[in-house]
Amino acid sequence: MGISLSIFLIAIGAILAWAVSAEVSGIDVQVAGVILLVVGVIGLFASLVFWSSWGGFGNRDAAASGGQNTTIVNRDRP
C-alpha cells in the first residue's frame, strides 16, 4: 500500500466516521469509517518506515546493481 492510497483511505474513513449520518441496514457506517481510518494510518506509517527499501530517495545506484558494489580499476601498463 502506497502513501497515496493510505491518505485516500484516511480521507474516506474520516468522512464516513464523522460526516455521514445515514443509516444502512446490515452495516454501521461510522464503524466502517473508523476501520478505514485505522487501516489508512497503519498503511501510511508502514509506507514511511519502509520508504527507503521501496524506492524513495535512497541510493538508486546500489539498488540497480542488486546491492552489490563493483569496483573497476584501470591500470596503465609500462
C-alpha atoms as a PDB file:
ATOM      1  CA  MET A   1       0.000   0.000   0.000  1.00  0.00           C
ATOM      2  CA  GLY A   2       1.471   3.330  -1.007  1.00  0.00           C
ATOM      3  CA  ILE A   3       1.297   6.724   0.588  1.00  0.00           C
ATOM      4  CA  SER A   4      -1.391   7.993  -1.774  1.00  0.00           C
ATOM      5  CA  LEU A   5      -3.703   5.027  -1.123  1.00  0.00           C
ATOM      6  CA  SER A   6      -3.164   5.417   2.619  1.00  0.00           C
ATOM      7  CA  ILE A   7      -4.102   9.091   2.520  1.00  0.00           C
ATOM      8  CA  PHE A   8      -7.149   8.216   0.394  1.00  0.00           C
ATOM      9  CA  LEU A   9      -8.281   5.604   2.954  1.00  0.00           C
ATOM     10  CA  ILE A  10      -7.753   8.085   5.790  1.00  0.00           C
ATOM     11  CA  ALA A  11      -9.885  10.679   3.995  1.00  0.00           C
ATOM     12  CA  ILE A  12     -12.692   8.237   3.148  1.00  0.00           C
ATOM     13  CA  GLY A  13     -12.623   6.825   6.682  1.00  0.00           C
ATOM     14  CA  ALA A  14     -12.817  10.290   8.243  1.00  0.00           C
ATOM     15  CA  ILE A  15     -15.733  11.234   6.003  1.00  0.00           C
ATOM     16  CA  LEU A  16     -17.636   8.059   6.851  1.00  0.00           C
ATOM     17  CA  ALA A  17     -16.837   8.296  10.574  1.00  0.00           C
ATOM     18  CA  TRP A  18     -17.686  11.945  11.170  1.00  0.00           C
ATOM     19  CA  ALA A  19     -19.582  13.436   8.228  1.00  0.00           C
ATOM     20  CA  VAL A  20     -22.109  10.764   7.210  1.00  0.00           C
ATOM     21  CA  SER A  21     -25.208  10.392   9.335  1.00  0.00           C
ATOM     22  CA  ALA A  22     -27.103   7.935   7.123  1.00  0.00           C
ATOM     23  CA  GLU A  23     -28.136   4.559   8.444  1.00  0.00           C
ATOM     24  CA  VAL A  24     -27.751   1.431   6.343  1.00  0.00           C
ATOM     25  CA  SER A  25     -29.183  -1.923   7.366  1.00  0.00           C
ATOM     26  CA  GLY A  26     -26.530  -4.546   7.989  1.00  0.00           C
ATOM     27  CA  ILE A  27     -23.547  -2.205   8.431  1.00  0.00           C
ATOM     28  CA  ASP A  28     -22.629   0.598  10.766  1.00  0.00           C
ATOM     29  CA  VAL A  29     -21.220   3.360   8.560  1.00  0.00           C
ATOM     30  CA  GLN A  30     -19.350   5.071  11.387  1.00  0.00           C
ATOM     31  CA  VAL A  31     -17.588   1.852  12.424  1.00  0.00           C
ATOM     32  CA  ALA A  32     -16.635   1.145   8.807  1.00  0.00           C
ATOM     33  CA  GLY A  33     -15.212   4.662   8.629  1.00  0.00           C
ATOM     34  CA  VAL A  34     -13.123   4.169  11.748  1.00  0.00           C
ATOM     35  CA  ILE A  35     -11.828   0.855  10.387  1.00  0.00           C
ATOM     36  CA  LEU A  36     -10.796   2.503   7.099  1.00  0.00           C
ATOM     37  CA  LEU A  37      -9.192   5.345   9.031  1.00  0.00           C
ATOM     38  CA  VAL A  38      -7.125   2.958  11.162  1.00  0.00           C
ATOM     39  CA  VAL A  39      -6.075   0.871   8.132  1.00  0.00           C
ATOM     40  CA  GLY A  40      -5.025   4.060   6.330  1.00  0.00           C
ATOM     41  CA  VAL A  41      -2.950   5.273   9.278  1.00  0.00           C
ATOM     42  CA  ILE A  42      -1.229   1.879   9.606  1.00  0.00           C
ATOM     43  CA  GLY A  43      -0.544   1.821   5.862  1.00  0.00           C
ATOM     44  CA  LEU A  44       0.851   5.354   5.929  1.00  0.00           C
ATOM     45  CA  PHE A  45       3.119   4.522   8.844  1.00  0.00           C
ATOM     46  CA  ALA A  46       4.348   1.344   7.116  1.00  0.00           C
ATOM     47  CA  SER A  47       4.991   3.262   3.893  1.00  0.00           C
ATOM     48  CA  LEU A  48       7.060   5.856   5.707  1.00  0.00           C
ATOM     49  CA  VAL A  49       9.028   3.257   7.674  1.00  0.00           C
ATOM     50  CA  PHE A  50       9.895   1.213   4.584  1.00  0.00           C
ATOM     51  CA  TRP A  51      10.306   4.220   2.248  1.00  0.00           C
ATOM     52  CA  SER A  52      13.999   3.654   1.514  1.00  0.00           C
ATOM     53  CA  SER A  53      13.619  -0.058   0.756  1.00  0.00           C
ATOM     54  CA  TRP A  54      10.677   0.555  -1.621  1.00  0.00           C
ATOM     55  CA  GLY A  55      12.427   3.191  -3.721  1.00  0.00           C
ATOM     56  CA  GLY A  56      12.172   6.546  -2.021  1.00  0.00           C
ATOM     57  CA  PHE A  57      15.126   8.873  -2.314  1.00  0.00           C
ATOM     58  CA  GLY A  58      17.742   6.282  -1.420  1.00  0.00           C
ATOM     59  CA  ASN A  59      20.833   5.244  -3.326  1.00  0.00           C
ATOM     60  CA  ARG A  60      19.482   4.172  -6.712  1.00  0.00           C
ATOM     61  CA  ASP A  61      22.911   3.017  -7.987  1.00  0.00           C
ATOM     62  CA  ALA A  62      23.173   0.364  -5.275  1.00  0.00           C
ATOM     63  CA  ALA A  63      19.611  -0.767  -5.937  1.00  0.00           C
ATOM     64  CA  ALA A  64      20.235  -1.027  -9.680  1.00  0.00           C
ATOM     65  CA  SER A  65      23.267  -3.260  -9.190  1.00  0.00           C
ATOM     66  CA  GLY A  66      21.377  -5.568  -6.872  1.00  0.00           C
ATOM     67  CA  GLY A  67      23.024  -4.124  -3.773  1.00  0.00           C
ATOM     68  CA  GLN A  68      26.480  -5.295  -4.828  1.00  0.00           C
ATOM     69  CA  ASN A  69      29.181  -2.701  -5.187  1.00  0.00           C
ATOM     70  CA  THR A  70      31.525  -3.321  -8.097  1.00  0.00           C
ATOM     71  CA  THR A  71      34.847  -1.524  -8.378  1.00  0.00           C
ATOM     72  CA  ILE A  72      36.616  -1.358 -11.736  1.00  0.00           C
ATOM     73  CA  VAL A  73      40.287  -0.451 -11.663  1.00  0.00           C
ATOM     74  CA  ASN A  74      42.107   0.509 -14.847  1.00  0.00           C
ATOM     75  CA  ARG A  75      45.903   0.383 -14.697  1.00  0.00           C
ATOM     76  CA  ASP A  76      48.343   1.682 -17.204  1.00  0.00           C
ATOM     77  CA  ARG A  77      50.964  -0.898 -18.078  1.00  0.00           C
ATOM     78  CA  PRO A  78      54.513   0.228 -18.866  1.00  0.00           C
END
